[in-house]
C-alpha cells in the first residue's frame, strides 16, 4: 500500500479563525464534496503565507459560502486572508498507485469553485 494524494483544494483563502473551537478546519460543503473530502476526514493544510504545515480534520461549512475557517490550535497558524492548500490522502494498492491521479479543485479569491481536474491534465510531461 502507498499513501497517495487523493485531492487538493488549491489556493483557498482563510475567511475566519475560531481559536475557541476544539479543532479542525471548516470548509464550504460544496468544496468538500468537489474534493471528495468527508466530514471528520484527516486533511493537511499548507499555508503559503507563512510556510506552516499542519494536520487536522475537516468539518462542513455552509454550502456555497466560501467558508474556510481554521479552528482551535490551527487558528494560531494563519491570519484571515492567508492563502492555503488543503490536501487529503488515501491508501492505494501498489498496482493502482502508478496510475492513480488526484482530484484538483481550483477556487477564486472568494473560494468559489473555478474548476476541477484530474492531475494528469496538468502534468507538464
Protein backbone atom coordinates (compact mmCIF):
# COMPACT_ATOMS: atom_id res chain seq x y z
CA UNK A 1 0.00 0.00 0.00
CA UNK A 2 1.08 3.53 -0.71
CA UNK A 3 -0.23 6.81 0.64
CA UNK A 4 -1.25 8.94 -2.32
CA UNK A 5 -2.63 12.44 -2.71
CA UNK A 6 -6.39 11.97 -3.15
CA UNK A 7 -7.44 15.58 -3.60
CA UNK A 8 -6.35 19.17 -3.27
CA UNK A 9 -8.20 22.45 -2.83
CA UNK A 10 -5.70 24.86 -4.34
CA UNK A 11 -5.11 28.44 -3.12
CA UNK A 12 -8.14 28.82 -0.87
CA UNK A 13 -8.27 31.89 1.34
CA UNK A 14 -8.79 31.72 5.08
CA UNK A 15 -12.07 33.53 5.76
CA UNK A 16 -12.09 33.29 9.56
CA UNK A 17 -10.38 31.92 12.66
CA UNK A 18 -12.00 30.44 15.77
CA UNK A 19 -9.45 29.80 18.50
CA UNK A 20 -12.12 28.64 20.98
CA UNK A 21 -13.39 25.74 18.87
CA UNK A 22 -11.95 22.30 19.73
CA UNK A 23 -10.08 21.97 16.47
CA UNK A 24 -10.38 21.34 12.73
CA UNK A 25 -10.85 23.23 9.51
CA UNK A 26 -14.34 24.26 8.42
CA UNK A 27 -14.68 24.02 4.64
CA UNK A 28 -17.59 25.08 2.43
CA UNK A 29 -19.58 21.84 1.94
CA UNK A 30 -19.66 22.31 -1.83
CA UNK A 31 -15.84 22.40 -1.93
CA UNK A 32 -15.62 19.35 0.34
CA UNK A 33 -17.88 17.40 -2.00
CA UNK A 34 -15.97 18.57 -5.06
CA UNK A 35 -12.68 17.47 -3.47
CA UNK A 36 -14.18 14.22 -2.13
CA UNK A 37 -13.41 15.15 1.48
CA UNK A 38 -15.75 13.71 4.10
CA UNK A 39 -16.70 15.24 7.43
CA UNK A 40 -14.02 14.36 10.02
CA UNK A 41 -11.58 13.18 7.35
CA UNK A 42 -7.92 13.95 8.01
CA UNK A 43 -6.54 16.84 6.00
CA UNK A 44 -3.16 18.51 5.71
CA UNK A 45 -3.09 22.30 5.39
CA UNK A 46 -0.22 24.23 3.82
CA UNK A 47 -0.08 27.98 4.47
CA UNK A 48 1.57 29.76 1.54
CA UNK A 49 1.91 32.99 3.51
CA UNK A 50 3.98 31.72 6.42
CA UNK A 51 5.09 28.19 5.48
CA UNK A 52 3.11 26.46 8.24
CA UNK A 53 2.02 22.86 7.55
CA UNK A 54 -0.35 21.05 9.85
CA UNK A 55 -2.72 18.11 10.03
CA UNK A 56 -6.30 18.47 11.19
CA UNK A 57 -9.73 17.18 10.17
CA UNK A 58 -12.47 18.69 8.03
CA UNK A 59 -15.93 19.74 9.10
CA UNK A 60 -18.54 21.04 6.66
CA UNK A 61 -19.41 24.70 6.46
CA UNK A 62 -22.43 26.25 4.79
CA UNK A 63 -22.75 25.17 1.15
CA UNK A 64 -21.75 27.92 -1.27
CA UNK A 65 -20.49 30.22 1.49
CA UNK A 66 -16.82 30.07 0.55
CA UNK A 67 -16.08 29.47 4.22
CA UNK A 68 -12.59 28.33 5.16
CA UNK A 69 -12.24 28.66 8.93
CA UNK A 70 -9.31 27.42 10.97
CA UNK A 71 -10.42 26.29 14.40
CA UNK A 72 -8.67 25.62 17.71
CA UNK A 73 -4.87 25.39 17.66
CA UNK A 74 -4.83 25.67 13.85
CA UNK A 75 -6.20 29.20 14.19
CA UNK A 76 -2.77 30.23 15.52
CA UNK A 77 -1.09 29.13 12.28
CA UNK A 78 -2.74 31.60 9.90
CA UNK A 79 -4.32 35.00 9.51
CA UNK A 80 -7.58 35.88 7.82
CA UNK A 81 -6.83 36.22 4.11
CA UNK A 82 -3.89 33.80 4.08
CA UNK A 83 -3.71 31.55 1.04
CA UNK A 84 -3.71 27.84 1.85
CA UNK A 85 -3.72 24.49 0.11
CA UNK A 86 -5.90 21.76 1.63
CA UNK A 87 -4.79 18.17 0.93
CA UNK A 88 -6.38 14.79 1.53
CA UNK A 89 -4.76 11.39 1.09
CA UNK A 90 -5.78 7.77 0.59
CA UNK A 91 -4.18 4.33 0.71
CA UNK A 92 -3.80 2.66 -2.67
CA UNK A 93 -2.52 -0.76 -3.68
CA UNK A 94 0.90 -0.64 -5.37
CA UNK A 95 -0.61 -1.90 -8.61
CA UNK A 96 -3.04 1.05 -8.68
CA UNK A 97 -0.60 3.68 -7.41
CA UNK A 98 1.32 4.05 -10.68
CA UNK A 99 -1.75 5.32 -12.50
CA UNK A 100 -3.59 6.96 -9.58
CA UNK A 101 -4.37 10.64 -10.21
CA UNK A 102 -5.66 13.04 -7.55
CA UNK A 103 -8.57 15.41 -7.96
CA UNK A 104 -7.51 19.08 -8.08
CA UNK A 105 -10.04 21.72 -7.08
CA UNK A 106 -9.34 25.33 -8.03
CA UNK A 107 -11.05 28.29 -6.37
CA UNK A 108 -11.09 32.03 -6.92
CA UNK A 109 -10.15 34.68 -4.34
CA UNK A 110 -13.57 34.25 -2.64
CA UNK A 111 -13.27 30.45 -2.53
CA UNK A 112 -15.87 29.98 -5.26
CA UNK A 113 -15.30 26.91 -7.40
CA UNK A 114 -13.49 27.67 -10.68
CA UNK A 115 -12.79 24.17 -11.99
CA UNK A 116 -11.91 20.62 -11.08
CA UNK A 117 -9.33 18.49 -12.88
CA UNK A 118 -7.52 15.22 -12.53
CA UNK A 119 -3.77 15.71 -12.07
CA UNK A 120 -2.93 14.06 -15.39
CA UNK A 121 -4.48 17.04 -17.17
CA UNK A 122 -1.94 19.37 -15.55
CA UNK A 123 1.23 17.28 -15.89
CA UNK A 124 3.91 19.15 -17.93
CA UNK A 125 5.31 15.97 -19.50
